[in-house]
């Protein structure tokens, strides 16, 4: 594997002699992208590249709230059913054509055509949390969306990177046959060349109109400071590490935790660590004869030394977080920040009250994801001190996923990927078990609070509802949240302006080289 990866790396470097001049920023990707057609055939790497090409009406800010991007502002009617987006009048596509409301309508029509295969169609056609009933353009620089019912998730859906950020593209992106051809968009970069399996070259978009001020998540000022950007495909981690150390790449935005110390000790490199919005957790099957008793679940929780467990699992890079809402969220407040303190004696009293007599409780884990295995090992030892008899069942990841979906386990060492909206942070594990066996928290009162939090877009009202959900979540202990992870990137010391953030994706705008 290393030989193949090294050969590809050498071929890619030889293909661009301009690297010696320092005008090309080289960022490592661990695999090729899937498509340049936004929000269709995609994965995480695809989303990374596309955020440099496309912009939507709105985008995620640094704290995962929503801000305008191609829109000058976001105007919501008092009933929450009408969203009006006045467009910025300085925006041009990379071919020089000005952005108009007709371009937004053109892109939206194609997104919502089932033949396009847009990933997020079900999120806006009524099958999900939002139903868009109409999109109109009163004039050349105004677009109006109408919803069937109010939804706090509408703007977040438009902004989601996996939805392509609902990026607006020029109609010349399609060929004469109506099929996708190549991106002509409004982002800070434009496509130069895609050499499949080797690299994706982007060039600075000289027609780009930046917002004033500073970068802010995927919005704000996104000025490209370098003329060229190359995403270089290096699948092997050791090869990527060597390439960074020798200067053959400029940035590896996601390094393995075991290598962080090496990177930090190298004076030719700088590291950047930022919190992400994923969570690690333990799931309970609350319909299990033993674990249906909340006292046993709470005893397991109280047996855990959160600081010790999280410190060991993450090599000291993460702090405990017992809320489903990650610390990077704007909705992470005092109610969410409370960390459960270990109390072994109280755990023992709860087990005695529940009549627990040492019956074995199986916890499922796997070795594909080391943190899941490590947190299971540590929790098993800690729970034993309180008198809980936890037996580990180590299975392959695919089987664990099947058991998760079927709900066939007692305890599962687990993790959820980032949910960028706080309501979705609860929705991912809440619901009717008879309809969705994968759900762990089946509480009618919680369901009502969750639905209300999805319907209101007022931040104060949402916070109040989320705080009530938090209190109920901690009372029921259907799941234990342990921590939200961090992502560490490493760059050459001559790279300036790079900073990681909660969504975890690298952003090349605002990044340059020291003179």
Protein backbone atom coordinates (compact mmCIF):
# COMPACT_ATOMS: atom_id res chain seq x y z
CA UNK A 1 0.00 0.00 0.00
CA UNK A 2 2.81 2.43 0.91
CA UNK A 3 4.63 1.75 -2.36
CA UNK A 4 1.54 2.49 -4.44
CA UNK A 5 0.72 5.62 -2.46
CA UNK A 6 4.31 6.87 -2.68
CA UNK A 7 4.36 6.33 -6.45
CA UNK A 8 1.12 8.28 -6.87
CA UNK A 9 2.50 11.06 -4.69
CA UNK A 10 5.67 11.30 -6.77
CA UNK A 11 3.68 11.40 -10.02
CA UNK A 12 1.44 14.15 -8.69
CA UNK A 13 4.35 16.30 -7.59
CA UNK A 14 6.17 15.94 -10.89
CA UNK A 15 3.01 16.97 -12.71
CA UNK A 16 3.12 20.50 -11.29
CA UNK A 17 6.52 22.19 -11.36
CA UNK A 18 4.89 25.42 -10.09
CA UNK A 19 5.06 24.02 -6.55
CA UNK A 20 8.62 25.24 -6.25
CA UNK A 21 7.36 28.81 -6.68
CA UNK A 22 5.13 28.55 -3.62
CA UNK A 23 1.93 29.58 -5.39
CA UNK A 24 0.08 26.28 -4.84
CA UNK A 25 -1.35 25.15 -1.52
CA UNK A 26 -1.22 21.34 -1.22
CA UNK A 27 -3.84 19.70 1.02
CA UNK A 28 -3.95 15.95 1.56
CA UNK A 29 -7.15 13.94 1.05
CA UNK A 30 -7.22 10.27 2.03
CA UNK A 31 -9.40 9.28 -0.94
CA UNK A 32 -10.66 10.70 -4.21
CA UNK A 33 -13.90 12.62 -4.47
CA UNK A 34 -16.97 11.08 -6.07
CA UNK A 35 -18.49 13.91 -8.10
CA UNK A 36 -18.56 17.65 -8.68
CA UNK A 37 -22.36 17.74 -9.04
CA UNK A 38 -23.36 19.21 -5.66
CA UNK A 39 -25.36 17.14 -3.20
CA UNK A 40 -25.68 14.07 -5.40
CA UNK A 41 -22.99 11.37 -5.54
CA UNK A 42 -21.04 12.51 -2.50
CA UNK A 43 -19.03 11.65 0.59
CA UNK A 44 -17.05 13.68 3.12
CA UNK A 45 -14.10 14.37 0.80
CA UNK A 46 -16.47 15.39 -1.98
CA UNK A 47 -18.13 17.89 0.36
CA UNK A 48 -14.71 19.36 1.26
CA UNK A 49 -13.79 20.13 -2.33
CA UNK A 50 -17.25 21.39 -3.23
CA UNK A 51 -17.33 23.95 -0.41
CA UNK A 52 -14.46 25.71 -2.22
CA UNK A 53 -16.45 25.88 -5.46
CA UNK A 54 -20.08 26.49 -4.52
CA UNK A 55 -21.98 28.90 -2.35
CA UNK A 56 -25.61 28.82 -1.32
CA UNK A 57 -28.04 31.41 -0.05
CA UNK A 58 -26.94 30.66 3.51
CA UNK A 59 -24.13 28.76 5.22
CA UNK A 60 -23.01 27.53 8.62
CA UNK A 61 -21.13 30.00 10.78
CA UNK A 62 -18.29 29.06 13.12
CA UNK A 63 -20.71 28.18 15.96
CA UNK A 64 -22.98 26.11 13.66
CA UNK A 65 -25.67 28.78 13.50
CA UNK A 66 -26.79 29.98 10.07
CA UNK A 67 -25.71 33.18 8.34
CA UNK A 68 -26.35 34.68 4.90
CA UNK A 69 -23.89 34.04 2.08
CA UNK A 70 -25.30 34.77 -1.39
CA UNK A 71 -28.25 36.36 0.35
CA UNK A 72 -27.79 39.81 1.85
CA UNK A 73 -30.13 38.92 4.68
CA UNK A 74 -32.73 36.40 5.83
CA UNK A 75 -36.24 37.75 6.33
CA UNK A 76 -38.78 35.47 8.03
CA UNK A 77 -42.50 36.24 8.16
CA UNK A 78 -44.18 36.41 11.61
CA UNK A 79 -45.94 33.07 10.99
CA UNK A 80 -42.64 31.37 10.10
CA UNK A 81 -43.94 30.22 6.69
CA UNK A 82 -42.21 32.65 4.32
CA UNK A 83 -38.47 33.16 3.93
CA UNK A 84 -37.35 36.06 1.78
CA UNK A 85 -33.74 36.21 0.55
CA UNK A 86 -32.57 39.49 -1.02
CA UNK A 87 -29.56 38.55 -3.15
CA UNK A 88 -26.21 40.32 -3.04
CA UNK A 89 -25.86 42.36 -6.22
CA UNK A 90 -22.07 42.14 -6.50
CA UNK A 91 -21.89 38.36 -7.00
CA UNK A 92 -20.71 36.86 -10.26
CA UNK A 93 -20.17 33.32 -11.44
CA UNK A 94 -16.67 32.21 -12.39
CA UNK A 95 -17.60 32.83 -16.07
CA UNK A 96 -18.34 36.49 -15.27
CA UNK A 97 -22.14 36.25 -15.46
CA UNK A 98 -23.99 38.09 -12.66
CA UNK A 99 -26.01 36.11 -10.13
CA UNK A 100 -29.77 36.63 -10.41
CA UNK A 101 -32.85 35.11 -8.81
CA UNK A 102 -33.43 33.18 -12.04
CA UNK A 103 -30.19 31.26 -11.34
CA UNK A 104 -31.49 30.32 -7.90
CA UNK A 105 -34.77 29.09 -9.38
CA UNK A 106 -32.90 27.14 -12.06
CA UNK A 107 -30.71 25.36 -9.50
CA UNK A 108 -33.64 24.70 -7.13
CA UNK A 109 -35.73 23.19 -9.93
CA UNK A 110 -32.91 20.81 -10.77
CA UNK A 111 -32.25 19.95 -7.10
CA UNK A 112 -35.90 19.03 -6.59
CA UNK A 113 -36.20 16.98 -9.79
CA UNK A 114 -36.08 13.35 -8.60
CA UNK A 115 -33.97 12.47 -11.65
CA UNK A 116 -31.12 14.59 -10.27
CA UNK A 117 -30.68 12.33 -7.26
CA UNK A 118 -30.21 15.18 -4.80
CA UNK A 119 -29.44 13.69 -1.41
CA UNK A 120 -31.66 16.13 0.46
CA UNK A 121 -34.83 15.99 -1.61
CA UNK A 122 -36.67 14.07 1.10
CA UNK A 123 -35.69 16.77 3.61
CA UNK A 124 -37.67 19.48 1.78
CA UNK A 125 -40.57 17.70 0.06
CA UNK A 126 -42.55 16.81 3.17
CA UNK A 127 -41.08 13.39 3.80
CA UNK A 128 -38.69 14.95 6.34
CA UNK A 129 -39.02 17.89 8.71
CA UNK A 130 -39.62 20.51 6.00
CA UNK A 131 -42.04 20.90 3.11
CA UNK A 132 -41.31 23.70 0.66
CA UNK A 133 -44.57 24.52 -1.10
CA UNK A 134 -43.32 27.27 -3.39
CA UNK A 135 -40.27 29.22 -4.59
CA UNK A 136 -40.74 32.51 -6.44
CA UNK A 137 -38.66 35.43 -7.68
CA UNK A 138 -40.48 38.78 -7.32
CA UNK A 139 -37.56 40.51 -9.01
CA UNK A 140 -34.06 39.82 -10.31
CA UNK A 141 -32.50 40.00 -6.85
CA UNK A 142 -35.11 38.48 -4.52
CA UNK A 143 -36.07 34.86 -3.90
CA UNK A 144 -38.99 33.78 -1.68
CA UNK A 145 -39.49 30.29 -0.23
CA UNK A 146 -42.84 29.25 1.24
CA UNK A 147 -43.19 26.40 3.76
CA UNK A 148 -46.22 24.33 4.66
CA UNK A 149 -45.47 24.56 8.39
CA UNK A 150 -42.88 26.49 10.41
CA UNK A 151 -39.54 24.73 10.77
CA UNK A 152 -36.34 25.59 12.59
CA UNK A 153 -34.54 23.09 10.34
CA UNK A 154 -35.19 24.79 6.97
CA UNK A 155 -32.14 27.07 6.91
CA UNK A 156 -29.90 24.32 8.28
CA UNK A 157 -31.04 21.99 5.52
CA UNK A 158 -30.16 24.58 2.86
CA UNK A 159 -26.75 25.02 4.47
CA UNK A 160 -25.79 21.37 5.03
CA UNK A 161 -22.55 20.42 3.25
CA UNK A 162 -23.92 16.96 2.48
CA UNK A 163 -26.74 18.74 0.61
CA UNK A 164 -24.06 20.48 -1.44
CA UNK A 165 -24.84 23.57 0.62
CA UNK A 166 -27.67 23.87 -1.92
CA UNK A 167 -24.99 25.66 -3.92
CA UNK A 168 -26.12 27.87 -6.79
CA UNK A 169 -24.51 27.14 -10.16
CA UNK A 170 -24.80 28.69 -13.60
CA UNK A 171 -26.86 26.86 -16.19
CA UNK A 172 -23.70 26.44 -18.30
CA UNK A 173 -22.66 23.83 -15.72
CA UNK A 174 -24.92 21.53 -17.73
CA UNK A 175 -24.27 20.32 -21.25
CA UNK A 176 -26.67 20.72 -24.21
CA UNK A 177 -28.28 17.41 -23.21
CA UNK A 178 -29.07 18.70 -19.72
CA UNK A 179 -26.52 16.45 -18.08
CA UNK A 180 -23.96 17.67 -15.56
CA UNK A 181 -20.81 18.89 -17.27
CA UNK A 182 -18.54 20.99 -15.02
CA UNK A 183 -18.98 23.48 -12.17
CA UNK A 184 -19.54 27.14 -12.99
CA UNK A 185 -20.24 28.66 -9.61
CA UNK A 186 -19.61 31.61 -7.29
CA UNK A 187 -17.07 30.21 -4.80
CA UNK A 188 -13.55 31.51 -4.11
CA UNK A 189 -12.01 28.83 -6.36
CA UNK A 190 -12.91 27.29 -9.70
CA UNK A 191 -12.05 23.92 -11.18
CA UNK A 192 -8.78 23.66 -13.10
CA UNK A 193 -8.29 19.89 -13.43
CA UNK A 194 -9.46 16.67 -11.83
CA UNK A 195 -7.00 13.83 -12.35
CA UNK A 196 -8.99 10.94 -10.95
CA UNK A 197 -7.23 9.01 -8.23
CA UNK A 198 -4.42 11.55 -8.06
CA UNK A 199 -5.48 15.15 -7.45
CA UNK A 200 -8.08 17.88 -7.86
CA UNK A 201 -6.63 21.21 -8.95
CA UNK A 202 -8.51 24.43 -8.26
CA UNK A 203 -7.58 27.95 -9.34
CA UNK A 204 -8.47 31.23 -7.69
CA UNK A 205 -11.75 32.60 -9.01
CA UNK A 206 -10.86 36.15 -10.06
CA UNK A 207 -14.57 37.01 -10.35
CA UNK A 208 -15.18 36.16 -6.69
CA UNK A 209 -16.99 38.74 -4.58
CA UNK A 210 -16.08 38.29 -0.92
CA UNK A 211 -18.16 39.36 2.03
CA UNK A 212 -16.53 42.01 4.22
CA UNK A 213 -14.94 41.19 7.55
CA UNK A 214 -13.42 37.91 8.62
CA UNK A 215 -14.04 34.26 7.65
CA UNK A 216 -16.86 32.73 9.66
CA UNK A 217 -17.40 29.00 9.22
CA UNK A 218 -18.51 28.49 5.62
CA UNK A 219 -19.64 32.10 5.31
CA UNK A 220 -17.94 35.43 5.96
CA UNK A 221 -14.92 36.60 3.98
CA UNK A 222 -13.68 33.66 1.90
CA UNK A 223 -11.02 35.39 -0.19
CA UNK A 224 -8.55 32.99 -1.81
CA UNK A 225 -5.03 34.13 -0.91
CA UNK A 226 -3.21 31.56 -3.04
CA UNK A 227 -3.47 31.36 -6.86
CA UNK A 228 -3.72 27.57 -6.90
CA UNK A 229 -5.03 24.86 -4.64
CA UNK A 230 -4.35 21.16 -5.05
CA UNK A 231 -6.13 18.42 -3.11
CA UNK A 232 -3.66 15.56 -3.31
CA UNK A 233 -4.92 11.99 -2.88
CA UNK A 234 -2.71 10.08 -0.41
CA UNK A 235 -4.58 7.09 1.05
CA UNK A 236 -1.84 5.84 3.36
CA UNK A 237 -1.39 7.71 6.65
CA UNK A 238 2.32 6.96 6.97
CA UNK A 239 2.94 8.25 3.45
CA UNK A 240 1.00 11.41 4.23
CA UNK A 241 3.02 11.93 7.41
CA UNK A 242 6.28 11.57 5.51
CA UNK A 243 5.07 13.93 2.77
CA UNK A 244 4.23 16.61 5.32
CA UNK A 245 7.55 16.24 7.10
CA UNK A 246 9.53 16.55 3.86
CA UNK A 247 7.46 19.44 2.55
CA UNK A 248 5.81 17.52 -0.28
CA UNK A 249 2.43 18.63 1.07
CA UNK A 250 1.51 21.72 3.07
CA UNK A 251 -1.39 20.50 5.17
CA UNK A 252 -2.82 17.28 6.58
CA UNK A 253 -6.02 18.51 8.18
CA UNK A 254 -6.84 15.31 10.11
CA UNK A 255 -3.90 13.47 11.67
CA UNK A 256 -4.03 10.38 13.83
CA UNK A 257 -3.98 11.10 17.56
CA UNK A 258 -1.00 8.79 18.02
CA UNK A 259 1.06 11.05 15.74
CA UNK A 260 0.16 14.37 17.36
CA UNK A 261 3.17 14.36 19.71
CA UNK A 262 5.54 13.78 16.77
CA UNK A 263 4.03 16.65 14.81
CA UNK A 264 4.19 19.00 17.79
CA UNK A 265 7.86 18.22 18.38
CA UNK A 266 8.81 19.05 14.77
CA UNK A 267 9.86 22.73 14.50
CA UNK A 268 9.02 22.73 10.80
CA UNK A 269 5.36 21.97 11.52
CA UNK A 270 2.50 23.66 13.37
CA UNK A 271 -0.59 21.90 14.73
CA UNK A 272 -4.14 23.11 15.18
CA UNK A 273 -6.65 21.30 17.37
CA UNK A 274 -10.33 22.15 17.36
CA UNK A 275 -13.46 20.50 18.80
CA UNK A 276 -15.79 18.65 16.45
CA UNK A 277 -19.52 18.04 16.75
CA UNK A 278 -19.51 14.24 16.85
CA UNK A 279 -20.14 12.44 20.13
CA UNK A 280 -19.03 9.19 21.75
CA UNK A 281 -21.56 7.37 23.89
CA UNK A 282 -22.99 4.28 25.51
CA UNK A 283 -26.46 3.18 24.38
CA UNK A 284 -28.90 1.28 26.62
CA UNK A 285 -31.65 -1.06 25.50
CA UNK A 286 -34.30 0.20 27.90
CA UNK A 287 -36.67 -2.67 27.05
CA UNK A 288 -34.17 -5.18 28.41
CA UNK A 289 -35.48 -6.88 31.60
CA UNK A 290 -32.53 -5.60 33.66
CA UNK A 291 -31.87 -2.27 32.01
CA UNK A 292 -35.52 -1.26 31.97
CA UNK A 293 -34.82 -0.22 35.58
CA UNK A 294 -33.45 3.33 35.45
CA UNK A 295 -31.63 2.74 38.74
CA UNK A 296 -29.31 0.23 37.10
CA UNK A 297 -28.64 2.57 34.19
CA UNK A 298 -27.97 5.43 36.59
CA UNK A 299 -25.64 3.24 38.65
CA UNK A 300 -23.58 2.54 35.53
CA UNK A 301 -23.41 6.28 34.86
CA UNK A 302 -22.31 7.09 38.41
CA UNK A 303 -19.61 4.40 38.31
CA UNK A 304 -17.77 6.25 35.52
CA UNK A 305 -14.92 8.63 36.20
CA UNK A 306 -15.57 10.91 33.23
CA UNK A 307 -12.31 12.83 33.41
CA UNK A 308 -10.18 9.68 33.64
CA UNK A 309 -12.13 7.76 31.00
CA UNK A 310 -12.16 10.55 28.41
CA UNK A 311 -8.55 11.49 29.09
CA UNK A 312 -7.40 7.91 28.54
CA UNK A 313 -9.49 7.31 25.42
CA UNK A 314 -8.50 10.54 23.67
CA UNK A 315 -4.87 10.82 24.82
CA UNK A 316 -5.84 13.91 26.78
CA UNK A 317 -7.16 15.76 23.72
CA UNK A 318 -10.85 15.92 24.68
CA UNK A 319 -12.81 16.99 27.77
CA UNK A 320 -15.91 15.19 29.09
CA UNK A 321 -19.27 16.25 27.68
CA UNK A 322 -22.42 14.57 28.98
CA UNK A 323 -24.80 16.45 26.69
CA UNK A 324 -25.94 15.27 23.24
CA UNK A 325 -25.33 18.87 22.16
CA UNK A 326 -21.60 19.33 21.50
CA UNK A 327 -19.66 22.19 23.13
CA UNK A 328 -19.05 23.84 19.76
CA UNK A 329 -22.79 24.51 19.37
CA UNK A 330 -24.24 27.94 20.09
CA UNK A 331 -26.89 26.09 22.13
CA UNK A 332 -24.36 24.57 24.54
CA UNK A 333 -25.07 26.55 27.71
CA UNK A 334 -24.90 25.96 31.47
CA UNK A 335 -27.48 23.14 31.46
CA UNK A 336 -25.47 21.26 28.85
CA UNK A 337 -22.08 21.89 30.46
CA UNK A 338 -22.73 19.95 33.68
CA UNK A 339 -20.40 16.94 33.94
CA UNK A 340 -21.61 14.00 36.03
CA UNK A 341 -19.33 13.32 39.00
CA UNK A 342 -18.39 9.78 39.92
CA UNK A 343 -20.17 8.42 43.02
CA UNK A 344 -19.47 4.72 43.50
CA UNK A 345 -21.28 4.52 46.85
CA UNK A 346 -24.46 6.01 45.39
CA UNK A 347 -24.16 3.59 42.47
CA UNK A 348 -24.00 0.68 44.94
CA UNK A 349 -27.08 1.96 46.79
CA UNK A 350 -29.05 2.21 43.54
CA UNK A 351 -28.10 -1.34 42.56
CA UNK A 352 -29.19 -2.62 45.98
CA UNK A 353 -32.53 -0.81 45.68
CA UNK A 354 -33.03 -2.34 42.23
CA UNK A 355 -32.36 -5.83 43.57
CA UNK A 356 -29.36 -6.31 41.28
CA UNK A 357 -27.40 -9.43 42.27
CA UNK A 358 -24.47 -9.46 39.87
CA UNK A 359 -26.30 -10.73 36.80
CA UNK A 360 -24.05 -10.38 33.74
CA UNK A 361 -24.77 -7.46 31.40
CA UNK A 362 -23.27 -7.66 27.93
CA UNK A 363 -21.74 -4.61 26.30
CA UNK A 364 -21.14 -4.72 22.54
CA UNK A 365 -18.04 -3.08 21.10
CA UNK A 366 -15.65 -3.43 18.16
CA UNK A 367 -11.96 -2.98 17.32
CA UNK A 368 -12.41 -1.10 14.06
CA UNK A 369 -12.80 2.15 15.98
CA UNK A 370 -10.23 2.16 18.77
CA UNK A 371 -12.00 4.76 20.95
CA UNK A 372 -15.15 2.63 21.09
CA UNK A 373 -13.14 -0.38 22.23
CA UNK A 374 -11.05 1.60 24.71
CA UNK A 375 -14.04 3.31 26.33
CA UNK A 376 -15.72 -0.08 26.75
CA UNK A 377 -12.64 -1.57 28.46
CA UNK A 378 -12.32 1.36 30.86
CA UNK A 379 -16.05 1.48 31.65
CA UNK A 380 -16.10 -2.25 32.35
CA UNK A 381 -13.36 -1.85 34.99
CA UNK A 382 -14.97 1.21 36.57
CA UNK A 383 -18.42 -0.39 36.70
CA UNK A 384 -16.96 -3.45 38.41
CA UNK A 385 -15.95 -1.26 41.36
CA UNK A 386 -19.63 -0.45 41.88
CA UNK A 387 -20.62 -4.11 41.62
CA UNK A 388 -21.82 -4.18 38.02
CA UNK A 389 -20.88 -7.31 36.10
CA UNK A 390 -20.24 -6.06 32.57
CA UNK A 391 -19.15 -8.62 29.97
CA UNK A 392 -17.71 -7.35 26.70
CA UNK A 393 -18.80 -8.83 23.38
CA UNK A 394 -16.35 -7.78 20.67
CA UNK A 395 -17.84 -8.08 17.18
CA UNK A 396 -17.06 -6.71 13.74
CA UNK A 397 -18.33 -3.23 12.89
CA UNK A 398 -20.85 -4.37 10.26
CA UNK A 399 -22.48 -6.74 12.74
CA UNK A 400 -22.53 -4.04 15.39
CA UNK A 401 -24.32 -1.73 12.97
CA UNK A 402 -26.90 -4.44 12.26
CA UNK A 403 -27.47 -4.96 15.98
CA UNK A 404 -27.74 -1.20 16.51
CA UNK A 405 -30.41 -0.90 13.82
CA UNK A 406 -32.32 -3.87 15.25
CA UNK A 407 -31.92 -2.77 18.88
CA UNK A 408 -30.61 -6.22 19.83
CA UNK A 409 -28.16 -5.49 22.65
CA UNK A 410 -28.07 -4.52 26.31
CA UNK A 411 -25.34 -1.87 26.28
CA UNK A 412 -23.44 -0.71 23.20
CA UNK A 413 -20.21 1.28 23.06
CA UNK A 414 -21.00 3.64 20.25
CA UNK A 415 -20.63 7.05 18.59
CA UNK A 416 -22.74 9.44 16.51
CA UNK A 417 -21.41 11.61 13.70
CA UNK A 418 -21.97 15.36 13.85
CA UNK A 419 -25.49 16.72 13.83
CA UNK A 420 -25.26 20.42 13.14
CA UNK A 421 -28.65 21.41 14.55
CA UNK A 422 -29.31 20.96 18.30
CA UNK A 423 -32.74 19.43 17.70
CA UNK A 424 -31.15 16.83 15.45
CA UNK A 425 -28.65 16.09 18.23
CA UNK A 426 -31.63 14.72 20.18
CA UNK A 427 -33.58 13.36 17.21
CA UNK A 428 -30.79 10.95 16.24
CA UNK A 429 -31.54 8.72 19.24
CA UNK A 430 -35.11 9.70 20.23
CA UNK A 431 -38.31 8.12 18.97
CA UNK A 432 -40.79 5.27 18.97
CA UNK A 433 -38.90 1.99 19.36
CA UNK A 434 -41.75 0.01 17.79
CA UNK A 435 -41.31 1.97 14.56
CA UNK A 436 -37.54 2.49 14.70
CA UNK A 437 -35.79 -0.12 16.87
CA UNK A 438 -32.50 1.81 16.64
CA UNK A 439 -33.93 4.60 18.81
CA UNK A 440 -32.95 4.43 22.47
CA UNK A 441 -35.00 7.19 24.10
CA UNK A 442 -38.73 6.53 23.79
CA UNK A 443 -40.37 9.21 25.93
CA UNK A 444 -43.65 10.89 24.82
CA UNK A 445 -42.89 14.07 26.76
CA UNK A 446 -39.49 14.32 25.11
CA UNK A 447 -41.09 13.79 21.71
CA UNK A 448 -43.37 16.79 22.26
CA UNK A 449 -40.48 19.00 23.40
CA UNK A 450 -38.40 17.88 20.43
CA UNK A 451 -41.17 18.64 17.94
CA UNK A 452 -41.60 22.08 19.47
CA UNK A 453 -37.86 22.76 19.25
CA UNK A 454 -37.97 21.94 15.55
CA UNK A 455 -40.89 24.28 14.89
CA UNK A 456 -39.57 27.48 16.44
CA UNK A 457 -36.65 29.43 15.02
CA UNK A 458 -36.50 31.92 17.89
CA UNK A 459 -33.15 31.24 19.63
CA UNK A 460 -34.38 31.99 23.15
CA UNK A 461 -37.46 29.79 22.78
CA UNK A 462 -35.38 26.98 21.31
CA UNK A 463 -32.85 27.23 24.13
CA UNK A 464 -35.59 26.93 26.73
CA UNK A 465 -37.01 23.84 25.03
CA UNK A 466 -33.56 22.30 24.61
CA UNK A 467 -32.78 22.90 28.28
CA UNK A 468 -35.98 21.04 29.21
CA UNK A 469 -34.97 18.19 26.89
CA UNK A 470 -31.54 18.12 28.52
CA UNK A 471 -33.01 17.78 32.00
CA UNK A 472 -35.34 14.97 30.90
CA UNK A 473 -32.50 13.20 29.05
CA UNK A 474 -30.34 13.20 32.16
CA UNK A 475 -33.24 11.99 34.28
CA UNK A 476 -34.06 9.01 32.04
CA UNK A 477 -30.45 7.88 31.29
CA UNK A 478 -31.40 6.04 28.11
CA UNK A 479 -27.95 6.90 26.78
CA UNK A 480 -24.72 8.27 28.23
CA UNK A 481 -22.83 10.89 26.29
CA UNK A 482 -19.11 10.83 27.09
CA UNK A 483 -17.38 13.45 24.99
CA UNK A 484 -17.27 15.28 21.71
CA UNK A 485 -14.10 14.62 19.77
CA UNK A 486 -11.41 16.93 18.49
CA UNK A 487 -9.63 17.09 15.17
CA UNK A 488 -5.96 17.98 14.91
CA UNK A 489 -4.45 19.24 11.70
CA UNK A 490 -0.76 19.71 10.97
CA UNK A 491 0.74 22.17 8.49
CA UNK A 492 4.14 23.34 7.38
CA UNK A 493 5.38 26.23 9.50
CA UNK A 494 5.31 28.60 6.52
CA UNK A 495 1.53 28.17 6.15
CA UNK A 496 -0.43 31.01 7.76
CA UNK A 497 -4.15 31.56 8.24
CA UNK A 498 -5.26 27.93 8.54
CA UNK A 499 -7.63 27.08 11.36
CA UNK A 500 -9.77 24.03 12.04
CA UNK A 501 -13.37 24.26 13.18
CA UNK A 502 -16.36 22.35 14.50
CA UNK A 503 -17.45 20.81 11.18
CA UNK A 504 -13.96 19.39 10.75
CA UNK A 505 -13.50 20.20 7.06
CA UNK A 506 -10.43 22.13 5.86
CA UNK A 507 -10.94 25.64 4.48
CA UNK A 508 -8.28 26.95 2.10
CA UNK A 509 -9.61 30.50 1.77
CA UNK A 510 -7.68 33.00 3.87
CA UNK A 511 -4.67 30.68 3.87
CA UNK A 512 -1.32 31.78 2.45
CA UNK A 513 2.41 31.31 2.79
CA UNK A 514 4.86 33.40 4.77
CA UNK A 515 6.99 35.59 2.48
